[in-house]
Amino acid sequence: MTKSRLTICLVLALVPACVLEPDRPLPPLPPGHALAYISQGIAFRNDIFILSASADTDENVTLFSSYDFWPSWSPDGSQIAFESNRDDSLRSEIYVLTVPTSSLSRITDDTGFVDAQPAWSPLGDRIAFVSNRDSAGTDIYLMDVTGNNVRRLTTDPGNDAQPAWAPTGDRIAFVSDRIGGGGTDIFVMDTLGNNVVNLTNNSAIDLAPAWSPDGSKIAFHSSRDPAGFSVWVMDADGASPVKVSPSNPPCELPSWTPDGQRLAFDCDGDIYVSSADGSNRQRITRTSNQQRLETMARWKPVP
């Protein structure tokens, strides 16, 4: 896999191309817990929405003519870190939105390079992110929530991306193509970038790791089913992977409820919720056609 293709694969959702006019959504089903998600509408504009637990509000919280993507909640649920190209149409930086006040701050300023895919630490004091600032590929970095004290964690010649914190805060899962062969694997390392272990070691494309709240499982999406991308759940050591979503239509980008009982993920441009084993699946966002596409659901960590 080329570096440019991997960057696209790691950053963009697997939804089909949209038309030019946003669709009027049908009333959503109550998710039971507030969640943030990405909606793509007119001219491929991406905004971050928050759907309330009762589904009585579905609010666009970024509302800007740019690419806003990859939301990550702070542990107290008051802020969302995300990537955006609002200040440079060709490259993304990382921003933090304070939800109650709608105030926005840019916390990276790395002109000429991409900073993306923020992941807030469980303690709330650090953010992991992806950047190409030091190499031709992408690597995982850590910084304070203000954007200071940046530290590079990975230095492999391959591309490393999509960091995801273990709930204990002592390990970070991530995706890499460092093995080669056209696939990507899910790895885990400590917060110093050491003790790297390949969890999946599979010839398929494995992406978007998400730890269960108790740290015992990791959900991800994968191409290992020839029918298409689907959501899988494995033990935290990579053992016993189980497919928990359809492959046709393709499904991706899982997120756990704070109690670990359910998963949210998107399939073919809508958000679905299921039990952790894939049963009781229901659609949460309900568009009448493909004119508005929803992806990347992220459960709010607190009520």
C-alpha atoms as a PDB file:
ATOM      1  CA  MET A   1       0.000   0.000   0.000  1.00  0.00           C
ATOM      2  CA  THR A   2       1.405   3.402  -0.900  1.00  0.00           C
ATOM      3  CA  LYS A   3       1.714   6.105   1.724  1.00  0.00           C
ATOM      4  CA  SER A   4      -0.807   8.325  -0.007  1.00  0.00           C
ATOM      5  CA  ARG A   5      -3.362   5.527  -0.202  1.00  0.00           C
ATOM      6  CA  LEU A   6      -2.848   4.607   3.434  1.00  0.00           C
ATOM      7  CA  THR A   7      -3.343   8.208   4.517  1.00  0.00           C
ATOM      8  CA  ILE A   8      -6.676   8.283   2.713  1.00  0.00           C
ATOM      9  CA  CYS A   9      -7.651   4.877   4.087  1.00  0.00           C
ATOM     10  CA  LEU A  10      -6.817   5.874   7.646  1.00  0.00           C
ATOM     11  CA  VAL A  11      -8.485   9.269   7.621  1.00  0.00           C
ATOM     12  CA  LEU A  12     -11.580   8.988   5.473  1.00  0.00           C
ATOM     13  CA  ALA A  13     -14.696   6.975   6.220  1.00  0.00           C
ATOM     14  CA  LEU A  14     -15.814   4.185   3.910  1.00  0.00           C
ATOM     15  CA  VAL A  15     -19.032   5.889   2.848  1.00  0.00           C
ATOM     16  CA  PRO A  16     -20.092   6.413  -0.767  1.00  0.00           C
ATOM     17  CA  ALA A  17     -19.901   9.768  -2.531  1.00  0.00           C
ATOM     18  CA  CYS A  18     -22.704  12.174  -1.729  1.00  0.00           C
ATOM     19  CA  VAL A  19     -24.748  14.457  -3.945  1.00  0.00           C
ATOM     20  CA  LEU A  20     -24.744  18.218  -3.676  1.00  0.00           C
ATOM     21  CA  GLU A  21     -27.820  18.888  -1.565  1.00  0.00           C
ATOM     22  CA  PRO A  22     -28.190  17.828   2.053  1.00  0.00           C
ATOM     23  CA  ASP A  23     -31.048  15.474   2.770  1.00  0.00           C
ATOM     24  CA  ARG A  24     -33.712  16.170   5.368  1.00  0.00           C
ATOM     25  CA  PRO A  25     -33.191  13.484   8.004  1.00  0.00           C
ATOM     26  CA  LEU A  26     -35.976  11.356   9.327  1.00  0.00           C
ATOM     27  CA  PRO A  27     -36.497  11.475  13.116  1.00  0.00           C
ATOM     28  CA  PRO A  28     -33.647   9.560  14.784  1.00  0.00           C
ATOM     29  CA  LEU A  29     -34.146   6.761  17.256  1.00  0.00           C
ATOM     30  CA  PRO A  30     -33.023   7.504  20.840  1.00  0.00           C
ATOM     31  CA  PRO A  31     -29.469   6.214  21.342  1.00  0.00           C
ATOM     32  CA  GLY A  32     -29.879   6.077  25.142  1.00  0.00           C
ATOM     33  CA  HIS A  33     -26.669   8.055  25.645  1.00  0.00           C
ATOM     34  CA  ALA A  34     -25.482  11.225  23.887  1.00  0.00           C
ATOM     35  CA  LEU A  35     -23.114  10.711  21.009  1.00  0.00           C
ATOM     36  CA  ALA A  36     -21.115  12.866  18.632  1.00  0.00           C
ATOM     37  CA  TYR A  37     -20.893  11.942  14.973  1.00  0.00           C
ATOM     38  CA  ILE A  38     -19.827  13.320  11.611  1.00  0.00           C
ATOM     39  CA  SER A  39     -22.372  14.319   8.988  1.00  0.00           C
ATOM     40  CA  GLN A  40     -21.362  14.912   5.404  1.00  0.00           C
ATOM     41  CA  GLY A  41     -23.658  17.015   3.274  1.00  0.00           C
ATOM     42  CA  ILE A  42     -23.294  19.734   0.695  1.00  0.00           C
ATOM     43  CA  ALA A  43     -20.018  19.786  -1.285  1.00  0.00           C
ATOM     44  CA  PHE A  44     -18.445  17.142   0.970  1.00  0.00           C
ATOM     45  CA  ARG A  45     -18.557  19.476   3.959  1.00  0.00           C
ATOM     46  CA  ASN A  46     -18.138  17.579   7.220  1.00  0.00           C
ATOM     47  CA  ASP A  47     -19.612  18.845  10.479  1.00  0.00           C
ATOM     48  CA  ILE A  48     -19.722  17.423  13.984  1.00  0.00           C
ATOM     49  CA  PHE A  49     -23.212  16.829  15.363  1.00  0.00           C
ATOM     50  CA  ILE A  50     -24.269  15.801  18.855  1.00  0.00           C
ATOM     51  CA  LEU A  51     -27.347  13.619  19.150  1.00  0.00           C
ATOM     52  CA  SER A  52     -28.853  13.774  22.635  1.00  0.00           C
ATOM     53  CA  ALA A  53     -29.534  10.624  24.615  1.00  0.00           C
ATOM     54  CA  SER A  54     -33.280  10.990  24.063  1.00  0.00           C
ATOM     55  CA  ALA A  55     -32.835  12.077  20.412  1.00  0.00           C
ATOM     56  CA  ASP A  56     -34.850  15.237  21.047  1.00  0.00           C
ATOM     57  CA  THR A  57     -31.914  17.370  19.847  1.00  0.00           C
ATOM     58  CA  ASP A  58     -29.494  16.758  16.998  1.00  0.00           C
ATOM     59  CA  GLU A  59     -27.199  19.780  16.961  1.00  0.00           C
ATOM     60  CA  ASN A  60     -24.501  20.829  14.521  1.00  0.00           C
ATOM     61  CA  VAL A  61     -21.756  22.038  16.879  1.00  0.00           C
ATOM     62  CA  THR A  62     -19.081  23.043  14.339  1.00  0.00           C
ATOM     63  CA  LEU A  63     -21.188  24.605  11.577  1.00  0.00           C
ATOM     64  CA  PHE A  64     -18.304  25.710   9.393  1.00  0.00           C
ATOM     65  CA  SER A  65     -17.623  25.367   5.683  1.00  0.00           C
ATOM     66  CA  SER A  66     -14.659  23.066   6.153  1.00  0.00           C
ATOM     67  CA  TYR A  67     -13.639  19.494   6.800  1.00  0.00           C
ATOM     68  CA  ASP A  68     -14.239  18.809  10.526  1.00  0.00           C
ATOM     69  CA  PHE A  69     -13.544  15.190  11.426  1.00  0.00           C
ATOM     70  CA  TRP A  70     -12.353  12.609  13.966  1.00  0.00           C
ATOM     71  CA  PRO A  71     -14.049  13.851  17.158  1.00  0.00           C
ATOM     72  CA  SER A  72     -12.669  12.781  20.537  1.00  0.00           C
ATOM     73  CA  TRP A  73     -14.436  13.630  23.790  1.00  0.00           C
ATOM     74  CA  SER A  74     -12.599  14.840  26.873  1.00  0.00           C
ATOM     75  CA  PRO A  75     -13.183  12.429  29.793  1.00  0.00           C
ATOM     76  CA  ASP A  76     -15.545  14.881  31.513  1.00  0.00           C
ATOM     77  CA  GLY A  77     -17.612  15.320  28.327  1.00  0.00           C
ATOM     78  CA  SER A  78     -17.187  19.102  28.225  1.00  0.00           C
ATOM     79  CA  GLN A  79     -14.865  19.319  25.218  1.00  0.00           C
ATOM     80  CA  ILE A  80     -14.294  17.687  21.843  1.00  0.00           C
ATOM     81  CA  ALA A  81     -10.931  17.570  20.097  1.00  0.00           C
ATOM     82  CA  PHE A  82     -11.095  17.189  16.327  1.00  0.00           C
ATOM     83  CA  GLU A  83      -9.146  17.706  13.119  1.00  0.00           C
ATOM     84  CA  SER A  84     -10.052  20.430  10.641  1.00  0.00           C
ATOM     85  CA  ASN A  85      -8.732  22.166   7.550  1.00  0.00           C
ATOM     86  CA  ARG A  86     -10.568  25.430   8.345  1.00  0.00           C
ATOM     87  CA  ASP A  87      -7.307  27.412   8.392  1.00  0.00           C
ATOM     88  CA  ASP A  88      -5.562  25.587   5.550  1.00  0.00           C
ATOM     89  CA  SER A  89      -7.627  23.861   2.887  1.00  0.00           C
ATOM     90  CA  LEU A  90      -4.808  21.422   2.090  1.00  0.00           C
ATOM     91  CA  ARG A  91      -3.780  20.386   5.605  1.00  0.00           C
ATOM     92  CA  SER A  92      -5.486  19.688   8.905  1.00  0.00           C
ATOM     93  CA  GLU A  93      -4.739  20.988  12.387  1.00  0.00           C
ATOM     94  CA  ILE A  94      -6.210  19.953  15.731  1.00  0.00           C
ATOM     95  CA  TYR A  95      -8.807  22.054  17.520  1.00  0.00           C
ATOM     96  CA  VAL A  96     -10.668  21.818  20.819  1.00  0.00           C
ATOM     97  CA  LEU A  97     -14.313  22.783  21.080  1.00  0.00           C
ATOM     98  CA  THR A  98     -15.753  23.580  24.506  1.00  0.00           C
ATOM     99  CA  VAL A  99     -19.281  22.290  24.031  1.00  0.00           C
ATOM    100  CA  PRO A 100     -21.293  24.324  26.597  1.00  0.00           C
ATOM    101  CA  THR A 101     -19.897  27.674  25.389  1.00  0.00           C
ATOM    102  CA  SER A 102     -19.098  26.801  21.740  1.00  0.00           C
ATOM    103  CA  SER A 103     -15.647  28.346  22.215  1.00  0.00           C
ATOM    104  CA  LEU A 104     -12.948  26.993  19.907  1.00  0.00           C
ATOM    105  CA  SER A 105      -9.166  26.884  20.196  1.00  0.00           C
ATOM    106  CA  ARG A 106      -6.521  25.627  17.808  1.00  0.00           C
ATOM    107  CA  ILE A 107      -3.898  23.612  19.673  1.00  0.00           C
ATOM    108  CA  THR A 108      -1.493  22.665  16.857  1.00  0.00           C
ATOM    109  CA  ASP A 109       0.263  25.097  14.544  1.00  0.00           C
ATOM    110  CA  ASP A 110       2.465  23.108  12.249  1.00  0.00           C
ATOM    111  CA  THR A 111       2.392  24.939   8.919  1.00  0.00           C
ATOM    112  CA  GLY A 112       3.101  22.690   5.971  1.00  0.00           C
ATOM    113  CA  PHE A 113       2.257  19.437   7.734  1.00  0.00           C
ATOM    114  CA  VAL A 114      -0.785  17.429   8.748  1.00  0.00           C
ATOM    115  CA  ASP A 115      -1.864  17.051  12.387  1.00  0.00           C
ATOM    116  CA  ALA A 116      -4.879  14.779  12.751  1.00  0.00           C
ATOM    117  CA  GLN A 117      -6.782  12.015  14.554  1.00  0.00           C
ATOM    118  CA  PRO A 118      -6.713  13.316  18.143  1.00  0.00           C
ATOM    119  CA  ALA A 119      -7.377  10.897  21.013  1.00  0.00           C
ATOM    120  CA  TRP A 120      -7.953  12.296  24.493  1.00  0.00           C
ATOM    121  CA  SER A 121      -6.245  10.418  27.340  1.00  0.00           C
ATOM    122  CA  PRO A 122      -8.415   8.836  30.081  1.00  0.00           C
ATOM    123  CA  LEU A 123      -6.968  11.248  32.670  1.00  0.00           C
ATOM    124  CA  GLY A 124      -7.716  14.214  30.424  1.00  0.00           C
ATOM    125  CA  ASP A 125      -4.213  15.678  30.590  1.00  0.00           C
ATOM    126  CA  ARG A 126      -2.829  14.588  27.207  1.00  0.00           C
ATOM    127  CA  ILE A 127      -3.896  14.093  23.618  1.00  0.00           C
ATOM    128  CA  ALA A 128      -2.375  11.546  21.257  1.00  0.00           C
ATOM    129  CA  PHE A 129      -2.420  12.494  17.587  1.00  0.00           C
ATOM    130  CA  VAL A 130      -0.984  11.717  14.152  1.00  0.00           C
ATOM    131  CA  SER A 131       1.401  13.905  12.190  1.00  0.00           C
ATOM    132  CA  ASN A 132       3.829  13.819   9.281  1.00  0.00           C
ATOM    133  CA  ARG A 133       5.919  16.699  10.694  1.00  0.00           C
ATOM    134  CA  ASP A 134       9.104  14.641  11.090  1.00  0.00           C
ATOM    135  CA  SER A 135       9.015  12.111   8.270  1.00  0.00           C
ATOM    136  CA  ALA A 136       7.574  11.258   4.870  1.00  0.00           C
ATOM    137  CA  GLY A 137       5.021   9.024   6.573  1.00  0.00           C
ATOM    138  CA  THR A 138       2.817   9.498   9.628  1.00  0.00           C
ATOM    139  CA  ASP A 139       3.715   8.893  13.259  1.00  0.00           C
ATOM    140  CA  ILE A 140       2.003   8.963  16.663  1.00  0.00           C
ATOM    141  CA  TYR A 141       2.700  11.907  18.998  1.00  0.00           C
ATOM    142  CA  LEU A 142       1.636  13.035  22.455  1.00  0.00           C
ATOM    143  CA  MET A 143       0.978  16.589  23.638  1.00  0.00           C
ATOM    144  CA  ASP A 144      -0.603  18.455  26.510  1.00  0.00           C
ATOM    145  CA  VAL A 145      -4.220  19.498  25.980  1.00  0.00           C
ATOM    146  CA  THR A 146      -2.926  23.014  25.312  1.00  0.00           C
ATOM    147  CA  GLY A 147      -0.739  21.751  22.455  1.00  0.00           C
ATOM    148  CA  ASN A 148       2.538  22.050  24.387  1.00  0.00           C
ATOM    149  CA  ASN A 149       5.212  19.471  25.237  1.00  0.00           C
ATOM    150  CA  VAL A 150       4.879  17.528  21.998  1.00  0.00           C
ATOM    151  CA  ARG A 151       6.662  14.179  22.040  1.00  0.00           C
ATOM    152  CA  ARG A 152       7.050  11.699  19.190  1.00  0.00           C
ATOM    153  CA  LEU A 153       6.218   8.098  20.091  1.00  0.00           C
ATOM    154  CA  THR A 154       6.766   6.144  16.858  1.00  0.00           C
ATOM    155  CA  THR A 155       9.654   6.381  14.411  1.00  0.00           C
ATOM    156  CA  ASP A 156       9.069   3.428  12.107  1.00  0.00           C
ATOM    157  CA  PRO A 157       9.533   4.122   8.349  1.00  0.00           C
ATOM    158  CA  GLY A 158       5.965   2.931   7.795  1.00  0.00           C
ATOM    159  CA  ASN A 159       2.798   4.865   8.504  1.00  0.00           C
ATOM    160  CA  ASP A 160       1.396   4.803  12.054  1.00  0.00           C
ATOM    161  CA  ALA A 161      -2.046   6.286  12.706  1.00  0.00           C
ATOM    162  CA  GLN A 162      -5.373   6.137  14.589  1.00  0.00           C
ATOM    163  CA  PRO A 163      -4.171   6.154  18.226  1.00  0.00           C
ATOM    164  CA  ALA A 164      -6.611   4.829  20.826  1.00  0.00           C
ATOM    165  CA  TRP A 165      -5.968   4.912  24.578  1.00  0.00           C
ATOM    166  CA  ALA A 166      -6.478   1.931  26.839  1.00  0.00           C
ATOM    167  CA  PRO A 167      -8.882   2.905  29.652  1.00  0.00           C
ATOM    168  CA  THR A 168      -6.041   2.488  32.154  1.00  0.00           C
ATOM    169  CA  GLY A 169      -4.058   5.180  30.332  1.00  0.00           C
ATOM    170  CA  ASP A 170      -0.860   3.121  30.183  1.00  0.00           C
ATOM    171  CA  ARG A 171      -1.125   1.805  26.612  1.00  0.00           C
ATOM    172  CA  ILE A 172      -2.065   3.125  23.191  1.00  0.00           C
ATOM    173  CA  ALA A 173      -3.373   1.001  20.342  1.00  0.00           C
ATOM    174  CA  PHE A 174      -2.678   2.199  16.814  1.00  0.00           C
ATOM    175  CA  VAL A 175      -2.776   1.157  13.176  1.00  0.00           C
ATOM    176  CA  SER A 176       0.328   0.648  11.034  1.00  0.00           C
ATOM    177  CA  ASP A 177       1.401  -0.627   7.630  1.00  0.00           C
ATOM    178  CA  ARG A 178       4.944  -1.288   8.904  1.00  0.00           C
ATOM    179  CA  ILE A 179       4.737  -5.021   8.155  1.00  0.00           C
ATOM    180  CA  GLY A 180       4.120  -4.381   4.447  1.00  0.00           C
ATOM    181  CA  GLY A 181       2.245  -6.572   2.004  1.00  0.00           C
ATOM    182  CA  GLY A 182      -0.592  -4.131   1.397  1.00  0.00           C
ATOM    183  CA  GLY A 183      -2.382  -4.646   4.711  1.00  0.00           C
ATOM    184  CA  THR A 184      -2.518  -2.781   8.002  1.00  0.00           C
ATOM    185  CA  ASP A 185      -2.357  -4.240  11.494  1.00  0.00           C
ATOM    186  CA  ILE A 186      -3.367  -3.065  14.941  1.00  0.00           C
ATOM    187  CA  PHE A 187      -0.480  -2.640  17.344  1.00  0.00           C
ATOM    188  CA  VAL A 188      -0.226  -1.615  20.985  1.00  0.00           C
ATOM    189  CA  MET A 189       2.579   0.239  22.789  1.00  0.00           C
ATOM    190  CA  ASP A 190       3.190   1.939  26.099  1.00  0.00           C
ATOM    191  CA  THR A 191       2.996   5.723  26.425  1.00  0.00           C
ATOM    192  CA  LEU A 192       6.748   6.074  25.855  1.00  0.00           C
ATOM    193  CA  GLY A 193       6.457   4.363  22.472  1.00  0.00           C
ATOM    194  CA  ASN A 194       8.109   1.171  23.737  1.00  0.00           C
ATOM    195  CA  ASN A 195       7.005  -2.469  24.027  1.00  0.00           C
ATOM    196  CA  VAL A 196       5.274  -2.495  20.636  1.00  0.00           C
ATOM    197  CA  VAL A 197       3.198  -5.622  19.960  1.00  0.00           C
ATOM    198  CA  ASN A 198       1.312  -6.584  16.786  1.00  0.00           C
ATOM    199  CA  LEU A 199      -2.155  -7.683  17.947  1.00  0.00           C
ATOM    200  CA  THR A 200      -3.742  -8.695  14.643  1.00  0.00           C
ATOM    201  CA  ASN A 201      -0.871  -9.902  12.402  1.00  0.00           C
ATOM    202  CA  ASN A 202      -3.318 -10.460   9.572  1.00  0.00           C
ATOM    203  CA  SER A 203      -2.967  -9.982   5.814  1.00  0.00           C
ATOM    204  CA  ALA A 204      -6.221  -7.974   5.738  1.00  0.00           C
ATOM    205  CA  ILE A 205      -6.689  -4.249   6.416  1.00  0.00           C
ATOM    206  CA  ASP A 206      -7.450  -3.788  10.120  1.00  0.00           C
ATOM    207  CA  LEU A 207      -8.367  -0.259  11.224  1.00  0.00           C
ATOM    208  CA  ALA A 208      -9.873   1.974  13.927  1.00  0.00           C
ATOM    209  CA  PRO A 209      -9.140   0.191  17.239  1.00  0.00           C
ATOM    210  CA  ALA A 210     -11.467   1.068  20.127  1.00  0.00           C
ATOM    211  CA  TRP A 211     -10.917  -0.311  23.647  1.00  0.00           C
ATOM    212  CA  SER A 212     -13.853  -1.526  25.689  1.00  0.00           C
ATOM    213  CA  PRO A 213     -14.301   0.477  28.916  1.00  0.00           C
ATOM    214  CA  ASP A 214     -13.000  -2.395  31.054  1.00  0.00           C
ATOM    215  CA  GLY A 215      -9.959  -2.846  28.806  1.00  0.00           C
ATOM    216  CA  SER A 216     -10.660  -6.494  28.042  1.00  0.00           C
ATOM    217  CA  LYS A 217     -11.719  -6.101  24.393  1.00  0.00           C
ATOM    218  CA  ILE A 218     -10.811  -4.069  21.315  1.00  0.00           C
ATOM    219  CA  ALA A 219     -13.329  -3.376  18.573  1.00  0.00           C
ATOM    220  CA  PHE A 220     -12.086  -2.534  15.071  1.00  0.00           C
ATOM    221  CA  HIS A 221     -13.126  -2.766  11.462  1.00  0.00           C
ATOM    222  CA  SER A 222     -11.494  -5.053   8.953  1.00  0.00           C
ATOM    223  CA  SER A 223     -11.492  -6.284   5.367  1.00  0.00           C
ATOM    224  CA  ARG A 224     -10.824  -9.863   6.442  1.00  0.00           C
ATOM    225  CA  ASP A 225     -14.322 -10.843   5.258  1.00  0.00           C
ATOM    226  CA  PRO A 226     -14.103 -10.820   1.410  1.00  0.00           C
ATOM    227  CA  ALA A 227     -17.655  -9.464   1.243  1.00  0.00           C
ATOM    228  CA  GLY A 228     -16.525  -6.088   2.592  1.00  0.00           C
ATOM    229  CA  PHE A 229     -15.443  -4.128   5.653  1.00  0.00           C
ATOM    230  CA  SER A 230     -17.138  -5.130   8.887  1.00  0.00           C
ATOM    231  CA  VAL A 231     -16.812  -4.533  12.621  1.00  0.00           C
ATOM    232  CA  TRP A 232     -14.973  -7.105  14.713  1.00  0.00           C
ATOM    233  CA  VAL A 233     -14.278  -7.526  18.435  1.00  0.00           C
ATOM    234  CA  MET A 234     -11.177  -9.281  19.782  1.00  0.00           C
ATOM    235  CA  ASP A 235      -9.606  -9.818  23.174  1.00  0.00           C
ATOM    236  CA  ALA A 236      -7.181  -7.075  24.190  1.00  0.00           C
ATOM    237  CA  ASP A 237      -4.262  -9.403  23.393  1.00  0.00           C
ATOM    238  CA  GLY A 238      -5.559  -9.964  19.853  1.00  0.00           C
ATOM    239  CA  ALA A 239      -7.075 -13.385  20.487  1.00  0.00           C
ATOM    240  CA  SER A 240     -10.549 -14.622  19.528  1.00  0.00           C
ATOM    241  CA  PRO A 241     -11.643 -12.079  16.880  1.00  0.00           C
ATOM    242  CA  VAL A 242     -15.389 -12.214  16.222  1.00  0.00           C
ATOM    243  CA  LYS A 243     -17.325 -10.433  13.486  1.00  0.00           C
ATOM    244  CA  VAL A 244     -20.224  -8.406  14.957  1.00  0.00           C
ATOM    245  CA  SER A 245     -21.633  -6.472  11.979  1.00  0.00           C
ATOM    246  CA  PRO A 246     -22.652  -7.079   8.380  1.00  0.00           C
ATOM    247  CA  SER A 247     -20.096  -6.784   5.569  1.00  0.00           C
ATOM    248  CA  ASN A 248     -22.625  -5.805   2.928  1.00  0.00           C
ATOM    249  CA  PRO A 249     -23.233  -2.940   3.277  1.00  0.00           C
ATOM    250  CA  PRO A 250     -19.774  -2.231   4.684  1.00  0.00           C
ATOM    251  CA  CYS A 251     -19.559  -1.188   8.346  1.00  0.00           C
ATOM    252  CA  GLU A 252     -16.770   0.645  10.142  1.00  0.00           C
ATOM    253  CA  LEU A 253     -15.454   2.871  12.959  1.00  0.00           C
ATOM    254  CA  PRO A 254     -16.829   1.250  16.146  1.00  0.00           C
ATOM    255  CA  SER A 255     -17.296   3.043  19.469  1.00  0.00           C
ATOM    256  CA  TRP A 256     -18.238   1.513  22.842  1.00  0.00           C
ATOM    257  CA  THR A 257     -20.910   2.824  25.174  1.00  0.00           C
ATOM    258  CA  PRO A 258     -19.429   3.915  28.524  1.00  0.00           C
ATOM    259  CA  ASP A 259     -20.887   0.799  30.186  1.00  0.00           C
ATOM    260  CA  GLY A 260     -19.401  -1.489  27.531  1.00  0.00           C
ATOM    261  CA  GLN A 261     -22.741  -3.076  26.707  1.00  0.00           C
ATOM    262  CA  ARG A 262     -23.224  -1.668  23.199  1.00  0.00           C
ATOM    263  CA  LEU A 263     -21.342  -0.575  20.102  1.00  0.00           C
ATOM    264  CA  ALA A 264     -22.054   2.260  17.695  1.00  0.00           C
ATOM    265  CA  PHE A 265     -20.710   2.100  14.130  1.00  0.00           C
ATOM    266  CA  ASP A 266     -21.658   3.318  10.688  1.00  0.00           C
ATOM    267  CA  CYS A 267     -22.882   1.262   7.750  1.00  0.00           C
ATOM    268  CA  ASP A 268     -23.401   2.733   4.297  1.00  0.00           C
ATOM    269  CA  GLY A 269     -23.852   6.299   5.536  1.00  0.00           C
ATOM    270  CA  ASP A 270     -25.918   5.821   8.707  1.00  0.00           C
ATOM    271  CA  ILE A 271     -25.121   5.204  12.378  1.00  0.00           C
ATOM    272  CA  TYR A 272     -26.196   1.907  13.932  1.00  0.00           C
ATOM    273  CA  VAL A 273     -26.159   0.679  17.511  1.00  0.00           C
ATOM    274  CA  SER A 274     -25.996  -2.964  18.561  1.00  0.00           C
ATOM    275  CA  SER A 275     -25.254  -5.057  21.575  1.00  0.00           C
ATOM    276  CA  ALA A 276     -21.551  -5.776  21.986  1.00  0.00           C
ATOM    277  CA  ASP A 277     -22.006  -9.182  20.337  1.00  0.00           C
ATOM    278  CA  GLY A 278     -23.689  -7.623  17.293  1.00  0.00           C
ATOM    279  CA  SER A 279     -27.252  -8.553  18.209  1.00  0.00           C
ATOM    280  CA  ASN A 280     -30.155  -6.107  18.547  1.00  0.00           C
ATOM    281  CA  ARG A 281     -28.826  -3.872  15.790  1.00  0.00           C
ATOM    282  CA  GLN A 282     -30.849  -0.733  15.039  1.00  0.00           C
ATOM    283  CA  ARG A 283     -30.296   2.367  12.960  1.00  0.00           C
ATOM    284  CA  ILE A 284     -29.903   5.583  14.952  1.00  0.00           C
ATOM    285  CA  THR A 285     -29.542   8.210  12.217  1.00  0.00           C
ATOM    286  CA  ARG A 286     -32.226   7.749   9.603  1.00  0.00           C
ATOM    287  CA  THR A 287     -31.762   9.446   6.254  1.00  0.00           C
ATOM    288  CA  SER A 288     -34.217   8.723   3.461  1.00  0.00           C
ATOM    289  CA  ASN A 289     -31.435   8.513   0.865  1.00  0.00           C
ATOM    290  CA  GLN A 290     -27.680   8.965   0.450  1.00  0.00           C
ATOM    291  CA  GLN A 291     -27.725  12.784   0.330  1.00  0.00           C
ATOM    292  CA  ARG A 292     -26.623  13.113   3.952  1.00  0.00           C
ATOM    293  CA  LEU A 293     -24.044  10.658   5.205  1.00  0.00           C
ATOM    294  CA  GLU A 294     -23.295   9.965   8.856  1.00  0.00           C
ATOM    295  CA  THR A 295     -20.120   8.357  10.170  1.00  0.00           C
ATOM    296  CA  MET A 296     -17.731   8.122  13.139  1.00  0.00           C
ATOM    297  CA  ALA A 297     -20.089   7.907  16.119  1.00  0.00           C
ATOM    298  CA  ARG A 298     -18.409   8.700  19.433  1.00  0.00           C
ATOM    299  CA  TRP A 299     -20.297   8.116  22.695  1.00  0.00           C
ATOM    300  CA  LYS A 300     -20.094  10.872  25.288  1.00  0.00           C
ATOM    301  CA  PRO A 301     -18.174   9.379  28.239  1.00  0.00           C
ATOM    302  CA  VAL A 302     -20.443  10.835  30.929  1.00  0.00           C
ATOM    303  CA  PRO A 303     -24.214  11.550  31.065  1.00  0.00           C
END
